Amino acid sequence: MTGLPNILHITERALWEEARARGGYEMSTRGRTLQEEGFIHCSTRDQLPRIAAFLYGAYEGPDELVVLVVDPARIGAPVKWEAPEPGGEEFPHVYGPIPVTAVVDVEPWPPHPAG
């Protein structure tokens, strides 16, 4: 255990399944790749609901959404905490592909109610 908290990334299940087949995940955010954006957008658990609402809103796509739970110690690429504007809230950005071995869990989104 490294003490680093896991970081999260929301995506469509089909994109995650494609990444699993390739061995690495390279989508930065909805509709944009790592190559286009320069890094992969991630969040903390507290930030996730806002990010999901911003990116997907009332998502009615053909595929369900999932949250990748990523262990930053297993990524092998720089993870930088950066704000979109000076003095703003910082988000984890991954400057390289996320290996499938760094994804320690995949959760449904929205979360299913406990019961």
N, C-alpha and C. Protein backbone atom coordinates (compact mmCIF):
# COMPACT_ATOMS: atom_id res chain seq x y z
N MET A 1 0.85 -1.19 0.00
CA MET A 1 0.00 0.00 0.00
C MET A 1 0.89 1.24 0.00
N THR A 2 0.62 2.14 -0.94
CA THR A 2 1.45 3.32 -1.08
C THR A 2 0.91 4.51 -0.31
N GLY A 3 -0.33 4.45 0.10
CA GLY A 3 -0.92 5.58 0.77
C GLY A 3 -1.57 6.56 -0.19
N LEU A 4 -1.32 6.40 -1.49
CA LEU A 4 -1.97 7.27 -2.47
C LEU A 4 -3.43 6.84 -2.63
N PRO A 5 -4.36 7.81 -2.61
CA PRO A 5 -5.76 7.43 -2.80
C PRO A 5 -6.02 7.03 -4.25
N ASN A 6 -6.96 6.11 -4.42
CA ASN A 6 -7.37 5.75 -5.78
C ASN A 6 -7.99 6.96 -6.45
N ILE A 7 -7.86 7.01 -7.77
CA ILE A 7 -8.50 8.06 -8.55
C ILE A 7 -9.53 7.39 -9.45
N LEU A 8 -10.48 8.18 -9.95
CA LEU A 8 -11.61 7.63 -10.69
C LEU A 8 -11.70 8.25 -12.08
N HIS A 9 -12.24 7.45 -13.00
CA HIS A 9 -12.47 7.94 -14.37
C HIS A 9 -13.79 7.34 -14.85
N ILE A 10 -14.71 8.19 -15.30
CA ILE A 10 -15.99 7.71 -15.80
C ILE A 10 -15.93 7.57 -17.31
N THR A 11 -16.51 6.47 -17.82
CA THR A 11 -16.45 6.19 -19.25
C THR A 11 -17.61 5.28 -19.64
N GLU A 12 -17.69 5.01 -20.92
CA GLU A 12 -18.70 4.08 -21.42
C GLU A 12 -18.13 2.66 -21.36
N ARG A 13 -18.99 1.71 -21.01
CA ARG A 13 -18.53 0.33 -20.83
C ARG A 13 -17.83 -0.20 -22.09
N ALA A 14 -18.33 0.11 -23.27
CA ALA A 14 -17.72 -0.39 -24.51
C ALA A 14 -16.28 0.10 -24.66
N LEU A 15 -16.01 1.35 -24.26
CA LEU A 15 -14.65 1.88 -24.34
C LEU A 15 -13.73 1.16 -23.36
N TRP A 16 -14.24 0.84 -22.18
CA TRP A 16 -13.46 0.08 -21.21
C TRP A 16 -13.19 -1.33 -21.74
N GLU A 17 -14.19 -1.96 -22.32
CA GLU A 17 -14.00 -3.32 -22.86
C GLU A 17 -12.95 -3.32 -23.97
N GLU A 18 -12.97 -2.29 -24.83
CA GLU A 18 -11.94 -2.17 -25.88
C GLU A 18 -10.56 -2.01 -25.26
N ALA A 19 -10.47 -1.20 -24.21
CA ALA A 19 -9.19 -0.98 -23.54
C ALA A 19 -8.68 -2.28 -22.91
N ARG A 20 -9.58 -3.03 -22.32
CA ARG A 20 -9.17 -4.31 -21.73
C ARG A 20 -8.56 -5.22 -22.78
N ALA A 21 -9.14 -5.24 -23.97
CA ALA A 21 -8.62 -6.09 -25.05
C ALA A 21 -7.24 -5.61 -25.51
N ARG A 22 -7.01 -4.29 -25.47
CA ARG A 22 -5.72 -3.71 -25.90
C ARG A 22 -4.68 -3.72 -24.79
N GLY A 23 -5.12 -3.76 -23.53
CA GLY A 23 -4.19 -3.72 -22.41
C GLY A 23 -3.98 -2.35 -21.81
N GLY A 24 -4.61 -1.32 -22.39
CA GLY A 24 -4.46 0.04 -21.86
C GLY A 24 -5.61 0.93 -22.26
N TYR A 25 -5.91 1.88 -21.39
CA TYR A 25 -7.02 2.80 -21.61
C TYR A 25 -6.46 4.15 -22.04
N GLU A 26 -7.00 4.73 -23.15
CA GLU A 26 -6.43 5.97 -23.69
C GLU A 26 -7.47 7.02 -24.04
N MET A 27 -8.66 6.99 -23.43
CA MET A 27 -9.64 8.05 -23.63
C MET A 27 -9.44 9.09 -22.53
N SER A 28 -9.37 10.36 -22.91
CA SER A 28 -9.16 11.41 -21.92
C SER A 28 -10.45 11.79 -21.22
N THR A 29 -11.45 12.04 -22.00
CA THR A 29 -12.75 12.45 -21.50
C THR A 29 -13.76 12.12 -22.60
N ARG A 30 -15.00 12.38 -22.39
CA ARG A 30 -16.02 12.01 -23.36
C ARG A 30 -15.69 12.57 -24.75
N GLY A 31 -15.46 11.66 -25.70
CA GLY A 31 -15.21 12.04 -27.08
C GLY A 31 -13.82 12.54 -27.40
N ARG A 32 -12.90 12.53 -26.43
CA ARG A 32 -11.54 13.01 -26.67
C ARG A 32 -10.52 11.99 -26.17
N THR A 33 -9.50 11.76 -26.98
CA THR A 33 -8.48 10.78 -26.63
C THR A 33 -7.33 11.42 -25.86
N LEU A 34 -6.52 10.56 -25.28
CA LEU A 34 -5.29 11.00 -24.61
C LEU A 34 -4.43 11.81 -25.59
N GLN A 35 -4.32 11.35 -26.83
CA GLN A 35 -3.49 12.03 -27.81
C GLN A 35 -4.02 13.44 -28.12
N GLU A 36 -5.34 13.59 -28.15
CA GLU A 36 -5.94 14.90 -28.43
C GLU A 36 -5.82 15.86 -27.25
N GLU A 37 -5.99 15.35 -26.04
CA GLU A 37 -6.05 16.19 -24.84
C GLU A 37 -4.69 16.35 -24.15
N GLY A 38 -3.83 15.35 -24.27
CA GLY A 38 -2.51 15.40 -23.63
C GLY A 38 -2.45 14.68 -22.30
N PHE A 39 -3.61 14.37 -21.73
CA PHE A 39 -3.68 13.64 -20.47
C PHE A 39 -5.08 13.04 -20.35
N ILE A 40 -5.25 12.14 -19.37
CA ILE A 40 -6.55 11.54 -19.09
C ILE A 40 -7.13 12.22 -17.86
N HIS A 41 -8.33 12.78 -18.01
CA HIS A 41 -9.03 13.43 -16.90
C HIS A 41 -9.50 12.38 -15.90
N CYS A 42 -9.22 12.61 -14.64
CA CYS A 42 -9.71 11.75 -13.56
C CYS A 42 -10.28 12.63 -12.46
N SER A 43 -10.79 12.00 -11.41
CA SER A 43 -11.37 12.76 -10.30
C SER A 43 -11.24 11.96 -9.02
N THR A 44 -11.61 12.60 -7.93
CA THR A 44 -11.74 11.92 -6.65
C THR A 44 -13.18 11.44 -6.54
N ARG A 45 -13.47 10.66 -5.53
CA ARG A 45 -14.85 10.18 -5.32
C ARG A 45 -15.78 11.37 -5.06
N ASP A 46 -15.32 12.37 -4.30
CA ASP A 46 -16.15 13.55 -4.02
C ASP A 46 -16.43 14.36 -5.28
N GLN A 47 -15.48 14.41 -6.20
CA GLN A 47 -15.65 15.19 -7.42
C GLN A 47 -16.50 14.46 -8.47
N LEU A 48 -16.58 13.14 -8.36
CA LEU A 48 -17.19 12.32 -9.42
C LEU A 48 -18.62 12.72 -9.78
N PRO A 49 -19.55 12.92 -8.83
CA PRO A 49 -20.91 13.26 -9.24
C PRO A 49 -20.99 14.53 -10.10
N ARG A 50 -20.20 15.54 -9.76
CA ARG A 50 -20.19 16.78 -10.57
C ARG A 50 -19.61 16.54 -11.95
N ILE A 51 -18.55 15.74 -12.02
CA ILE A 51 -17.91 15.45 -13.30
C ILE A 51 -18.87 14.64 -14.18
N ALA A 52 -19.51 13.65 -13.59
CA ALA A 52 -20.46 12.82 -14.34
C ALA A 52 -21.61 13.68 -14.89
N ALA A 53 -22.13 14.59 -14.07
CA ALA A 53 -23.23 15.46 -14.51
C ALA A 53 -22.75 16.39 -15.63
N PHE A 54 -21.54 16.91 -15.50
CA PHE A 54 -20.99 17.83 -16.49
C PHE A 54 -20.76 17.11 -17.82
N LEU A 55 -20.15 15.93 -17.78
CA LEU A 55 -19.80 15.22 -19.01
C LEU A 55 -20.97 14.46 -19.64
N TYR A 56 -21.80 13.88 -18.80
CA TYR A 56 -22.82 12.99 -19.33
C TYR A 56 -24.25 13.44 -19.07
N GLY A 57 -24.46 14.37 -18.11
CA GLY A 57 -25.79 14.88 -17.83
C GLY A 57 -26.81 13.76 -17.73
N ALA A 58 -27.90 13.90 -18.41
CA ALA A 58 -28.93 12.86 -18.46
C ALA A 58 -28.59 11.92 -19.61
N TYR A 59 -27.49 11.22 -19.45
CA TYR A 59 -26.95 10.33 -20.49
C TYR A 59 -27.96 9.29 -20.92
N GLU A 60 -28.20 9.23 -22.21
CA GLU A 60 -29.13 8.24 -22.76
C GLU A 60 -28.46 7.51 -23.90
N GLY A 61 -27.15 7.30 -23.78
CA GLY A 61 -26.41 6.64 -24.84
C GLY A 61 -26.74 5.17 -24.94
N PRO A 62 -26.19 4.53 -25.96
CA PRO A 62 -26.48 3.12 -26.18
C PRO A 62 -25.78 2.19 -25.21
N ASP A 63 -24.84 2.72 -24.46
CA ASP A 63 -24.00 1.90 -23.59
C ASP A 63 -24.09 2.40 -22.17
N GLU A 64 -23.96 1.51 -21.20
CA GLU A 64 -23.98 1.97 -19.82
C GLU A 64 -22.66 2.62 -19.44
N LEU A 65 -22.71 3.45 -18.43
CA LEU A 65 -21.52 4.12 -17.93
C LEU A 65 -20.92 3.33 -16.78
N VAL A 66 -19.59 3.37 -16.70
CA VAL A 66 -18.88 2.72 -15.61
C VAL A 66 -17.83 3.68 -15.07
N VAL A 67 -17.44 3.44 -13.83
CA VAL A 67 -16.38 4.21 -13.19
C VAL A 67 -15.18 3.28 -13.00
N LEU A 68 -14.05 3.68 -13.57
CA LEU A 68 -12.81 2.94 -13.39
C LEU A 68 -12.16 3.43 -12.10
N VAL A 69 -11.89 2.52 -11.20
CA VAL A 69 -11.19 2.84 -9.95
C VAL A 69 -9.72 2.49 -10.19
N VAL A 70 -8.87 3.51 -10.17
CA VAL A 70 -7.49 3.36 -10.60
C VAL A 70 -6.53 3.58 -9.44
N ASP A 71 -5.59 2.66 -9.28
CA ASP A 71 -4.52 2.79 -8.29
C ASP A 71 -3.39 3.58 -8.95
N PRO A 72 -3.15 4.83 -8.54
CA PRO A 72 -2.13 5.65 -9.21
C PRO A 72 -0.73 5.06 -9.12
N ALA A 73 -0.47 4.24 -8.11
CA ALA A 73 0.86 3.63 -7.98
C ALA A 73 1.13 2.60 -9.06
N ARG A 74 0.08 2.12 -9.72
CA ARG A 74 0.23 1.10 -10.76
C ARG A 74 0.22 1.67 -12.18
N ILE A 75 0.09 2.97 -12.31
CA ILE A 75 -0.08 3.56 -13.65
C ILE A 75 1.21 3.56 -14.45
N GLY A 76 2.32 3.96 -13.86
CA GLY A 76 3.58 4.00 -14.60
C GLY A 76 3.73 5.24 -15.46
N ALA A 77 2.85 6.21 -15.31
CA ALA A 77 2.93 7.50 -16.01
C ALA A 77 2.70 8.58 -14.95
N PRO A 78 3.15 9.80 -15.22
CA PRO A 78 2.95 10.86 -14.23
C PRO A 78 1.47 11.14 -13.96
N VAL A 79 1.15 11.34 -12.69
CA VAL A 79 -0.18 11.78 -12.28
C VAL A 79 0.02 13.14 -11.62
N LYS A 80 -0.58 14.18 -12.20
CA LYS A 80 -0.42 15.54 -11.68
C LYS A 80 -1.78 16.07 -11.24
N TRP A 81 -1.80 16.72 -10.09
CA TRP A 81 -3.02 17.36 -9.58
C TRP A 81 -3.00 18.79 -10.06
N GLU A 82 -3.96 19.11 -10.94
CA GLU A 82 -3.96 20.42 -11.59
C GLU A 82 -5.36 21.03 -11.57
N ALA A 83 -5.38 22.36 -11.54
CA ALA A 83 -6.64 23.10 -11.58
C ALA A 83 -6.87 23.61 -13.00
N PRO A 84 -8.12 23.62 -13.47
CA PRO A 84 -8.40 24.13 -14.81
C PRO A 84 -8.09 25.63 -14.94
N GLU A 85 -8.17 26.35 -13.82
CA GLU A 85 -7.79 27.76 -13.82
C GLU A 85 -7.03 28.04 -12.53
N PRO A 86 -6.18 29.07 -12.53
CA PRO A 86 -5.40 29.38 -11.32
C PRO A 86 -6.31 29.53 -10.09
N GLY A 87 -5.94 28.85 -9.02
CA GLY A 87 -6.68 28.93 -7.77
C GLY A 87 -7.92 28.05 -7.73
N GLY A 88 -8.18 27.33 -8.82
CA GLY A 88 -9.36 26.47 -8.88
C GLY A 88 -9.13 25.12 -8.21
N GLU A 89 -10.18 24.33 -8.19
CA GLU A 89 -10.12 22.99 -7.63
C GLU A 89 -9.17 22.12 -8.46
N GLU A 90 -8.35 21.33 -7.78
CA GLU A 90 -7.39 20.47 -8.48
C GLU A 90 -7.99 19.10 -8.75
N PHE A 91 -7.67 18.59 -9.94
CA PHE A 91 -8.12 17.27 -10.38
C PHE A 91 -6.91 16.45 -10.77
N PRO A 92 -6.96 15.12 -10.58
CA PRO A 92 -5.84 14.28 -11.03
C PRO A 92 -5.88 14.09 -12.54
N HIS A 93 -4.75 14.35 -13.18
CA HIS A 93 -4.58 14.15 -14.61
C HIS A 93 -3.47 13.12 -14.83
N VAL A 94 -3.73 12.14 -15.67
CA VAL A 94 -2.77 11.07 -15.95
C VAL A 94 -2.13 11.35 -17.31
N TYR A 95 -0.81 11.52 -17.30
CA TYR A 95 -0.08 11.87 -18.51
C TYR A 95 0.48 10.64 -19.21
N GLY A 96 -0.41 9.75 -19.58
CA GLY A 96 -0.06 8.53 -20.31
C GLY A 96 -1.23 7.58 -20.24
N PRO A 97 -1.14 6.47 -20.97
CA PRO A 97 -2.23 5.49 -20.91
C PRO A 97 -2.34 4.87 -19.52
N ILE A 98 -3.54 4.44 -19.19
CA ILE A 98 -3.77 3.74 -17.93
C ILE A 98 -3.75 2.24 -18.23
N PRO A 99 -2.76 1.50 -17.73
CA PRO A 99 -2.74 0.06 -17.96
C PRO A 99 -3.96 -0.60 -17.29
N VAL A 100 -4.49 -1.62 -17.92
CA VAL A 100 -5.65 -2.29 -17.33
C VAL A 100 -5.31 -2.87 -15.96
N THR A 101 -4.05 -3.17 -15.72
CA THR A 101 -3.63 -3.70 -14.42
C THR A 101 -3.71 -2.65 -13.32
N ALA A 102 -3.82 -1.36 -13.68
CA ALA A 102 -3.95 -0.29 -12.69
C ALA A 102 -5.40 -0.10 -12.26
N VAL A 103 -6.34 -0.67 -13.03
CA VAL A 103 -7.76 -0.54 -12.70
C VAL A 103 -8.11 -1.64 -11.71
N VAL A 104 -8.36 -1.24 -10.46
CA VAL A 104 -8.58 -2.21 -9.39
C VAL A 104 -10.06 -2.55 -9.18
N ASP A 105 -10.95 -1.76 -9.79
CA ASP A 105 -12.38 -2.06 -9.71
C ASP A 105 -13.09 -1.29 -10.81
N VAL A 106 -14.26 -1.79 -11.20
CA VAL A 106 -15.12 -1.13 -12.17
C VAL A 106 -16.51 -1.09 -11.55
N GLU A 107 -17.03 0.12 -11.37
CA GLU A 107 -18.31 0.31 -10.70
C GLU A 107 -19.34 0.85 -11.69
N PRO A 108 -20.61 0.50 -11.51
CA PRO A 108 -21.64 1.04 -12.39
C PRO A 108 -21.89 2.52 -12.09
N TRP A 109 -22.33 3.27 -13.09
CA TRP A 109 -22.75 4.66 -12.88
C TRP A 109 -24.07 4.88 -13.59
N PRO A 110 -25.05 5.46 -12.95
CA PRO A 110 -25.00 5.88 -11.56
C PRO A 110 -24.93 4.68 -10.63
N PRO A 111 -24.46 4.89 -9.40
CA PRO A 111 -24.34 3.77 -8.48
C PRO A 111 -25.71 3.14 -8.22
N HIS A 112 -25.71 1.85 -8.11
CA HIS A 112 -26.96 1.16 -7.78
C HIS A 112 -27.26 1.37 -6.30
N PRO A 113 -28.51 1.62 -5.95
CA PRO A 113 -28.82 1.82 -4.54
C PRO A 113 -28.52 0.55 -3.73
N ALA A 114 -28.05 0.74 -2.52
CA ALA A 114 -27.77 -0.40 -1.65
C ALA A 114 -29.10 -1.06 -1.27
N GLY A 115 -29.06 -2.33 -1.17
CA GLY A 115 -30.30 -2.97 -0.76
C GLY A 115 -30.25 -4.39 -1.02
